[in-house]
Amino acid sequence: MTVFICERIIMLSIFVIFAAIVIDFVKYNDKNTIKKGRRSIVATGSMIGFFVVFCVVIYLRWGSFDFGNIAVIIAGTVMIAAGCAINILGRLQLKGNWANHIKIYDGHTLVNRGIYKIIRHPLYASIMLMLLVGAWHTETGSARF
């Protein structure tokens, strides 16, 4: 039962981040307020790449270890949920400063409050945390599609 709950939490975390990315694209992609911008394959590719790599790593169990301990399953699930929370907090605090490519908007400001006081790039840091823990977490039996 615990493994089942952990699997659902992990899948929900992935869905929440995917939904947040889609919302950011729709809500903050206003071309009328852009002063300067440049397309970047890194920005778009990293978001798409995260989901592809994360799903492949989990499905193929690359880099996994056999801990076989329910405490490890729970710890991994908590870390993935924490990565999701960090990502969402970062997006909420960025608000209109978010962009899918390099852009400078009218009224653009440097965000240095909240999670940005602790982590300079919480969106990328959270994705790396989730990917690392996802690889470590797969052999425990959780997060299997």
N, C-alpha and C. Protein backbone atom coordinates (compact mmCIF):
# COMPACT_ATOMS: atom_id res chain seq x y z
N MET A 1 0.82 -1.20 0.00
CA MET A 1 0.00 0.00 0.00
C MET A 1 0.86 1.27 0.00
N THR A 2 1.93 1.26 0.79
CA THR A 2 2.83 2.42 0.85
C THR A 2 3.46 2.70 -0.51
N VAL A 3 3.89 1.64 -1.19
CA VAL A 3 4.50 1.81 -2.52
C VAL A 3 3.48 2.40 -3.48
N PHE A 4 2.25 1.95 -3.42
CA PHE A 4 1.20 2.47 -4.29
C PHE A 4 1.00 3.97 -4.06
N ILE A 5 0.95 4.40 -2.80
CA ILE A 5 0.79 5.82 -2.47
C ILE A 5 1.99 6.61 -2.96
N CYS A 6 3.20 6.08 -2.75
CA CYS A 6 4.41 6.77 -3.21
C CYS A 6 4.42 6.93 -4.72
N GLU A 7 3.98 5.89 -5.44
CA GLU A 7 3.92 5.99 -6.90
C GLU A 7 2.98 7.10 -7.33
N ARG A 8 1.84 7.21 -6.68
CA ARG A 8 0.86 8.25 -7.03
C ARG A 8 1.39 9.64 -6.71
N ILE A 9 2.11 9.79 -5.60
CA ILE A 9 2.70 11.09 -5.25
C ILE A 9 3.72 11.50 -6.30
N ILE A 10 4.54 10.57 -6.74
CA ILE A 10 5.56 10.86 -7.75
C ILE A 10 4.90 11.23 -9.08
N MET A 11 3.91 10.47 -9.49
CA MET A 11 3.23 10.78 -10.75
C MET A 11 2.52 12.13 -10.66
N LEU A 12 1.93 12.44 -9.51
CA LEU A 12 1.28 13.73 -9.31
C LEU A 12 2.29 14.87 -9.37
N SER A 13 3.46 14.67 -8.77
CA SER A 13 4.52 15.69 -8.81
C SER A 13 4.93 15.99 -10.25
N ILE A 14 5.11 14.96 -11.05
CA ILE A 14 5.49 15.15 -12.45
C ILE A 14 4.37 15.89 -13.20
N PHE A 15 3.14 15.49 -12.97
CA PHE A 15 2.00 16.15 -13.62
C PHE A 15 1.89 17.62 -13.22
N VAL A 16 2.09 17.92 -11.94
CA VAL A 16 1.98 19.29 -11.45
C VAL A 16 3.02 20.18 -12.12
N ILE A 17 4.26 19.70 -12.23
CA ILE A 17 5.30 20.51 -12.89
C ILE A 17 4.98 20.69 -14.37
N PHE A 18 4.53 19.63 -15.02
CA PHE A 18 4.16 19.75 -16.43
C PHE A 18 3.04 20.78 -16.60
N ALA A 19 2.03 20.73 -15.75
CA ALA A 19 0.93 21.69 -15.81
C ALA A 19 1.43 23.10 -15.55
N ALA A 20 2.34 23.27 -14.59
CA ALA A 20 2.89 24.60 -14.29
C ALA A 20 3.65 25.17 -15.49
N ILE A 21 4.38 24.32 -16.19
CA ILE A 21 5.11 24.77 -17.38
C ILE A 21 4.12 25.23 -18.46
N VAL A 22 3.09 24.45 -18.68
CA VAL A 22 2.08 24.83 -19.68
C VAL A 22 1.41 26.14 -19.29
N ILE A 23 1.05 26.28 -18.03
CA ILE A 23 0.43 27.53 -17.56
C ILE A 23 1.36 28.71 -17.76
N ASP A 24 2.65 28.53 -17.42
CA ASP A 24 3.62 29.61 -17.63
C ASP A 24 3.71 30.02 -19.10
N PHE A 25 3.73 29.03 -20.00
CA PHE A 25 3.80 29.34 -21.42
C PHE A 25 2.59 30.15 -21.86
N VAL A 26 1.43 29.77 -21.40
CA VAL A 26 0.20 30.46 -21.80
C VAL A 26 0.08 31.83 -21.15
N LYS A 27 0.35 31.89 -19.86
CA LYS A 27 0.11 33.12 -19.10
C LYS A 27 1.17 34.19 -19.31
N TYR A 28 2.43 33.81 -19.40
CA TYR A 28 3.52 34.79 -19.42
C TYR A 28 4.24 34.90 -20.75
N ASN A 29 3.61 34.52 -21.82
CA ASN A 29 4.26 34.60 -23.13
C ASN A 29 3.65 35.75 -23.93
N ASP A 30 3.55 36.93 -23.32
CA ASP A 30 2.95 38.11 -23.93
C ASP A 30 3.99 38.86 -24.76
N LYS A 31 3.83 38.84 -26.05
CA LYS A 31 4.80 39.49 -26.95
C LYS A 31 4.73 41.02 -26.89
N ASN A 32 3.65 41.59 -26.38
CA ASN A 32 3.50 43.05 -26.35
C ASN A 32 4.38 43.74 -25.32
N THR A 33 4.82 43.04 -24.30
CA THR A 33 5.59 43.67 -23.23
C THR A 33 7.09 43.36 -23.32
N ILE A 34 7.51 42.69 -24.38
CA ILE A 34 8.91 42.32 -24.52
C ILE A 34 9.72 43.50 -25.06
N LYS A 35 10.75 43.88 -24.32
CA LYS A 35 11.67 44.92 -24.78
C LYS A 35 12.76 44.30 -25.66
N LYS A 36 13.28 43.18 -25.20
CA LYS A 36 14.37 42.52 -25.91
C LYS A 36 14.25 41.02 -25.66
N GLY A 37 14.54 40.24 -26.68
CA GLY A 37 14.45 38.79 -26.50
C GLY A 37 15.32 38.03 -27.48
N ARG A 38 15.60 36.81 -27.12
CA ARG A 38 16.40 35.93 -27.97
C ARG A 38 15.94 34.50 -27.74
N ARG A 39 15.70 33.78 -28.79
CA ARG A 39 15.30 32.38 -28.67
C ARG A 39 16.48 31.56 -28.20
N SER A 40 16.17 30.59 -27.35
CA SER A 40 17.22 29.72 -26.84
C SER A 40 16.73 28.28 -26.83
N ILE A 41 17.42 27.43 -27.54
CA ILE A 41 17.08 26.00 -27.56
C ILE A 41 17.30 25.39 -26.18
N VAL A 42 18.21 25.96 -25.40
CA VAL A 42 18.49 25.45 -24.06
C VAL A 42 17.26 25.61 -23.17
N ALA A 43 16.61 26.75 -23.22
CA ALA A 43 15.46 27.01 -22.36
C ALA A 43 14.32 26.04 -22.65
N THR A 44 13.93 25.93 -23.90
CA THR A 44 12.83 25.05 -24.26
C THR A 44 13.26 23.59 -24.19
N GLY A 45 14.43 23.30 -24.68
CA GLY A 45 14.92 21.91 -24.70
C GLY A 45 15.10 21.33 -23.32
N SER A 46 15.52 22.15 -22.36
CA SER A 46 15.73 21.62 -21.01
C SER A 46 14.42 21.20 -20.36
N MET A 47 13.37 21.93 -20.59
CA MET A 47 12.07 21.56 -20.02
C MET A 47 11.52 20.29 -20.67
N ILE A 48 11.58 20.22 -21.96
CA ILE A 48 11.11 19.02 -22.66
C ILE A 48 12.03 17.85 -22.33
N GLY A 49 13.33 18.11 -22.35
CA GLY A 49 14.31 17.07 -22.05
C GLY A 49 14.13 16.47 -20.67
N PHE A 50 13.78 17.30 -19.69
CA PHE A 50 13.57 16.80 -18.33
C PHE A 50 12.55 15.69 -18.32
N PHE A 51 11.41 15.92 -18.93
CA PHE A 51 10.35 14.92 -18.88
C PHE A 51 10.72 13.67 -19.66
N VAL A 52 11.35 13.81 -20.80
CA VAL A 52 11.76 12.65 -21.58
C VAL A 52 12.79 11.83 -20.81
N VAL A 53 13.84 12.50 -20.33
CA VAL A 53 14.90 11.79 -19.60
C VAL A 53 14.36 11.20 -18.30
N PHE A 54 13.57 11.95 -17.56
CA PHE A 54 13.02 11.46 -16.29
C PHE A 54 12.22 10.18 -16.51
N CYS A 55 11.34 10.20 -17.51
CA CYS A 55 10.51 9.02 -17.78
C CYS A 55 11.35 7.84 -18.26
N VAL A 56 12.32 8.08 -19.12
CA VAL A 56 13.19 7.00 -19.61
C VAL A 56 14.02 6.41 -18.48
N VAL A 57 14.61 7.27 -17.65
CA VAL A 57 15.43 6.81 -16.53
C VAL A 57 14.60 5.94 -15.59
N ILE A 58 13.42 6.38 -15.28
CA ILE A 58 12.57 5.61 -14.38
C ILE A 58 12.13 4.30 -15.03
N TYR A 59 11.71 4.38 -16.28
CA TYR A 59 11.21 3.18 -16.94
C TYR A 59 12.30 2.12 -17.13
N LEU A 60 13.49 2.54 -17.53
CA LEU A 60 14.57 1.59 -17.78
C LEU A 60 15.41 1.30 -16.54
N ARG A 61 15.14 2.01 -15.44
CA ARG A 61 15.84 1.80 -14.17
C ARG A 61 17.34 2.05 -14.28
N TRP A 62 17.74 3.05 -15.05
CA TRP A 62 19.16 3.39 -15.18
C TRP A 62 19.65 4.01 -13.88
N GLY A 63 20.83 3.66 -13.47
CA GLY A 63 21.45 4.25 -12.29
C GLY A 63 20.76 3.91 -11.00
N SER A 64 19.99 2.83 -11.01
CA SER A 64 19.23 2.49 -9.80
C SER A 64 20.03 1.54 -8.90
N PHE A 65 19.65 1.56 -7.64
CA PHE A 65 20.27 0.70 -6.63
C PHE A 65 19.17 -0.09 -5.95
N ASP A 66 19.47 -1.30 -5.54
CA ASP A 66 18.48 -2.13 -4.88
C ASP A 66 18.59 -1.96 -3.37
N PHE A 67 17.82 -1.02 -2.83
CA PHE A 67 17.80 -0.83 -1.39
C PHE A 67 16.74 -1.72 -0.75
N GLY A 68 15.61 -1.89 -1.45
CA GLY A 68 14.56 -2.78 -0.98
C GLY A 68 14.02 -2.44 0.40
N ASN A 69 14.03 -1.20 0.78
CA ASN A 69 13.63 -0.78 2.11
C ASN A 69 12.52 0.25 1.98
N ILE A 70 11.44 0.05 2.72
CA ILE A 70 10.30 0.97 2.63
C ILE A 70 10.69 2.38 3.06
N ALA A 71 11.63 2.50 3.99
CA ALA A 71 12.09 3.83 4.43
C ALA A 71 12.75 4.57 3.27
N VAL A 72 13.47 3.86 2.43
CA VAL A 72 14.11 4.47 1.27
C VAL A 72 13.07 4.90 0.26
N ILE A 73 12.03 4.10 0.08
CA ILE A 73 10.95 4.47 -0.83
C ILE A 73 10.30 5.77 -0.37
N ILE A 74 10.02 5.85 0.91
CA ILE A 74 9.37 7.04 1.46
C ILE A 74 10.31 8.25 1.36
N ALA A 75 11.59 8.07 1.69
CA ALA A 75 12.55 9.17 1.62
C ALA A 75 12.67 9.69 0.19
N GLY A 76 12.75 8.79 -0.78
CA GLY A 76 12.83 9.20 -2.18
C GLY A 76 11.58 9.94 -2.63
N THR A 77 10.43 9.46 -2.21
CA THR A 77 9.18 10.12 -2.55
C THR A 77 9.12 11.53 -1.96
N VAL A 78 9.55 11.67 -0.72
CA VAL A 78 9.57 12.98 -0.07
C VAL A 78 10.51 13.93 -0.82
N MET A 79 11.66 13.42 -1.26
CA MET A 79 12.62 14.27 -1.99
C MET A 79 12.06 14.69 -3.35
N ILE A 80 11.35 13.80 -4.03
CA ILE A 80 10.75 14.15 -5.31
C ILE A 80 9.64 15.18 -5.10
N ALA A 81 8.82 14.98 -4.07
CA ALA A 81 7.77 15.95 -3.76
C ALA A 81 8.39 17.29 -3.37
N ALA A 82 9.51 17.28 -2.66
CA ALA A 82 10.20 18.53 -2.30
C ALA A 82 10.72 19.23 -3.55
N GLY A 83 11.26 18.47 -4.50
CA GLY A 83 11.70 19.05 -5.76
C GLY A 83 10.55 19.70 -6.50
N CYS A 84 9.39 19.06 -6.49
CA CYS A 84 8.20 19.63 -7.11
C CYS A 84 7.80 20.93 -6.41
N ALA A 85 7.82 20.92 -5.08
CA ALA A 85 7.44 22.11 -4.31
C ALA A 85 8.40 23.26 -4.58
N ILE A 86 9.70 22.98 -4.65
CA ILE A 86 10.70 24.01 -4.95
C ILE A 86 10.44 24.61 -6.33
N ASN A 87 10.14 23.76 -7.29
CA ASN A 87 9.88 24.22 -8.65
C ASN A 87 8.65 25.13 -8.68
N ILE A 88 7.58 24.71 -8.04
CA ILE A 88 6.35 25.50 -8.04
C ILE A 88 6.55 26.81 -7.29
N LEU A 89 7.25 26.79 -6.14
CA LEU A 89 7.55 28.02 -5.41
C LEU A 89 8.34 29.00 -6.28
N GLY A 90 9.33 28.48 -6.98
CA GLY A 90 10.12 29.32 -7.87
C GLY A 90 9.27 29.96 -8.95
N ARG A 91 8.36 29.20 -9.52
CA ARG A 91 7.48 29.73 -10.57
C ARG A 91 6.52 30.77 -10.02
N LEU A 92 5.97 30.50 -8.84
CA LEU A 92 5.04 31.46 -8.23
C LEU A 92 5.73 32.77 -7.89
N GLN A 93 6.99 32.70 -7.44
CA GLN A 93 7.70 33.92 -7.08
C GLN A 93 8.22 34.67 -8.29
N LEU A 94 8.45 33.98 -9.40
CA LEU A 94 8.86 34.66 -10.63
C LEU A 94 7.71 35.45 -11.25
N LYS A 95 6.53 34.88 -11.22
CA LYS A 95 5.33 35.47 -11.83
C LYS A 95 5.63 35.94 -13.25
N GLY A 96 5.42 37.21 -13.52
CA GLY A 96 5.59 37.76 -14.86
C GLY A 96 7.02 37.84 -15.35
N ASN A 97 7.99 37.54 -14.51
CA ASN A 97 9.39 37.55 -14.93
C ASN A 97 9.79 36.24 -15.62
N TRP A 98 8.90 35.24 -15.59
CA TRP A 98 9.19 33.97 -16.22
C TRP A 98 9.15 34.12 -17.74
N ALA A 99 10.03 33.42 -18.43
CA ALA A 99 10.02 33.39 -19.89
C ALA A 99 10.54 32.05 -20.38
N ASN A 100 9.99 31.58 -21.49
CA ASN A 100 10.46 30.32 -22.04
C ASN A 100 11.75 30.49 -22.83
N HIS A 101 12.09 31.71 -23.19
CA HIS A 101 13.35 32.04 -23.84
C HIS A 101 13.93 33.25 -23.13
N ILE A 102 15.10 33.65 -23.52
CA ILE A 102 15.72 34.83 -22.91
C ILE A 102 14.93 36.05 -23.36
N LYS A 103 14.30 36.74 -22.39
CA LYS A 103 13.47 37.90 -22.71
C LYS A 103 13.62 38.93 -21.61
N ILE A 104 13.54 40.19 -21.99
CA ILE A 104 13.49 41.29 -21.03
C ILE A 104 12.16 41.98 -21.26
N TYR A 105 11.32 41.97 -20.24
CA TYR A 105 10.00 42.57 -20.31
C TYR A 105 10.03 44.00 -19.78
N ASP A 106 9.00 44.78 -20.10
CA ASP A 106 8.81 46.07 -19.45
C ASP A 106 8.60 45.79 -17.97
N GLY A 107 9.30 46.50 -17.11
CA GLY A 107 9.16 46.30 -15.67
C GLY A 107 9.82 45.04 -15.14
N HIS A 108 10.69 44.46 -15.93
CA HIS A 108 11.40 43.23 -15.52
C HIS A 108 12.25 43.51 -14.28
N THR A 109 12.20 42.63 -13.30
CA THR A 109 12.97 42.80 -12.07
C THR A 109 13.73 41.53 -11.73
N LEU A 110 14.77 41.69 -10.93
CA LEU A 110 15.52 40.54 -10.43
C LEU A 110 14.79 40.03 -9.19
N VAL A 111 14.43 38.75 -9.21
CA VAL A 111 13.74 38.16 -8.07
C VAL A 111 14.79 37.63 -7.10
N ASN A 112 14.78 38.14 -5.87
CA ASN A 112 15.76 37.69 -4.87
C ASN A 112 15.10 37.51 -3.51
N ARG A 113 13.84 37.14 -3.52
CA ARG A 113 13.11 36.88 -2.28
C ARG A 113 12.65 35.42 -2.26
N GLY A 114 12.15 34.98 -1.13
CA GLY A 114 11.61 33.63 -1.01
C GLY A 114 12.66 32.57 -1.30
N ILE A 115 12.31 31.63 -2.14
CA ILE A 115 13.20 30.51 -2.47
C ILE A 115 14.46 31.01 -3.19
N TYR A 116 14.36 32.17 -3.86
CA TYR A 116 15.50 32.74 -4.57
C TYR A 116 16.57 33.29 -3.64
N LYS A 117 16.25 33.48 -2.37
CA LYS A 117 17.27 33.84 -1.38
C LYS A 117 18.17 32.65 -1.07
N ILE A 118 17.62 31.46 -1.21
CA ILE A 118 18.33 30.23 -0.86
C ILE A 118 18.97 29.59 -2.09
N ILE A 119 18.21 29.53 -3.17
CA ILE A 119 18.65 28.85 -4.40
C ILE A 119 18.55 29.84 -5.55
N ARG A 120 19.64 30.06 -6.26
CA ARG A 120 19.64 31.04 -7.36
C ARG A 120 18.79 30.58 -8.53
N HIS A 121 18.78 29.29 -8.83
CA HIS A 121 18.01 28.75 -9.96
C HIS A 121 17.13 27.59 -9.49
N PRO A 122 16.06 27.88 -8.75
CA PRO A 122 15.26 26.80 -8.18
C PRO A 122 14.56 25.91 -9.22
N LEU A 123 14.24 26.47 -10.39
CA LEU A 123 13.58 25.64 -11.39
C LEU A 123 14.52 24.54 -11.89
N TYR A 124 15.75 24.90 -12.20
CA TYR A 124 16.72 23.90 -12.66
C TYR A 124 17.19 23.01 -11.51
N ALA A 125 17.42 23.58 -10.34
CA ALA A 125 17.86 22.79 -9.19
C ALA A 125 16.83 21.73 -8.83
N SER A 126 15.56 22.09 -8.86
CA SER A 126 14.51 21.13 -8.52
C SER A 126 14.43 20.01 -9.55
N ILE A 127 14.60 20.35 -10.80
CA ILE A 127 14.56 19.33 -11.85
C ILE A 127 15.74 18.36 -11.70
N MET A 128 16.92 18.90 -11.39
CA MET A 128 18.09 18.02 -11.18
C MET A 128 17.88 17.12 -9.96
N LEU A 129 17.32 17.67 -8.88
CA LEU A 129 17.03 16.87 -7.69
C LEU A 129 16.07 15.75 -8.02
N MET A 130 15.00 16.07 -8.73
CA MET A 130 14.01 15.05 -9.07
C MET A 130 14.58 13.98 -9.99
N LEU A 131 15.41 14.38 -10.94
CA LEU A 131 16.02 13.41 -11.85
C LEU A 131 16.98 12.49 -11.11
N LEU A 132 17.80 13.06 -10.25
CA LEU A 132 18.76 12.26 -9.46
C LEU A 132 18.03 11.28 -8.55
N VAL A 133 17.06 11.77 -7.82
CA VAL A 133 16.31 10.91 -6.90
C VAL A 133 15.48 9.89 -7.67
N GLY A 134 14.95 10.30 -8.83
CA GLY A 134 14.17 9.37 -9.65
C GLY A 134 15.00 8.17 -10.08
N ALA A 135 16.24 8.40 -10.46
CA ALA A 135 17.12 7.30 -10.86
C ALA A 135 17.42 6.40 -9.66
N TRP A 136 17.64 7.01 -8.51
CA TRP A 136 17.96 6.28 -7.29
C TRP A 136 16.75 5.54 -6.76
N HIS A 137 15.59 6.07 -7.00
CA HIS A 137 14.35 5.61 -6.40
C HIS A 137 13.73 4.44 -7.15
N THR A 138 14.06 4.24 -8.43
CA THR A 138 13.34 3.28 -9.26
C THR A 138 13.50 1.84 -8.82
N GLU A 139 14.65 1.46 -8.38
CA GLU A 139 14.89 0.05 -8.04
C GLU A 139 14.11 -0.37 -6.80
N THR A 140 13.64 0.55 -6.03
CA THR A 140 12.90 0.22 -4.82
C THR A 140 11.51 -0.31 -5.14
N GLY A 141 11.11 -0.19 -6.38
CA GLY A 141 9.80 -0.69 -6.78
C GLY A 141 8.80 0.44 -6.95
N SER A 142 9.14 1.60 -6.48
CA SER A 142 8.22 2.73 -6.62
C SER A 142 8.51 3.44 -7.94
N ALA A 143 7.62 4.28 -8.34
CA ALA A 143 7.77 5.13 -9.54
C ALA A 143 7.87 4.30 -10.81
N ARG A 144 7.30 3.12 -10.83
CA ARG A 144 7.33 2.29 -12.03
C ARG A 144 6.06 2.56 -12.83
N PHE A 145 6.18 2.85 -14.13
CA PHE A 145 5.00 3.12 -14.96
C PHE A 145 4.34 1.82 -15.36
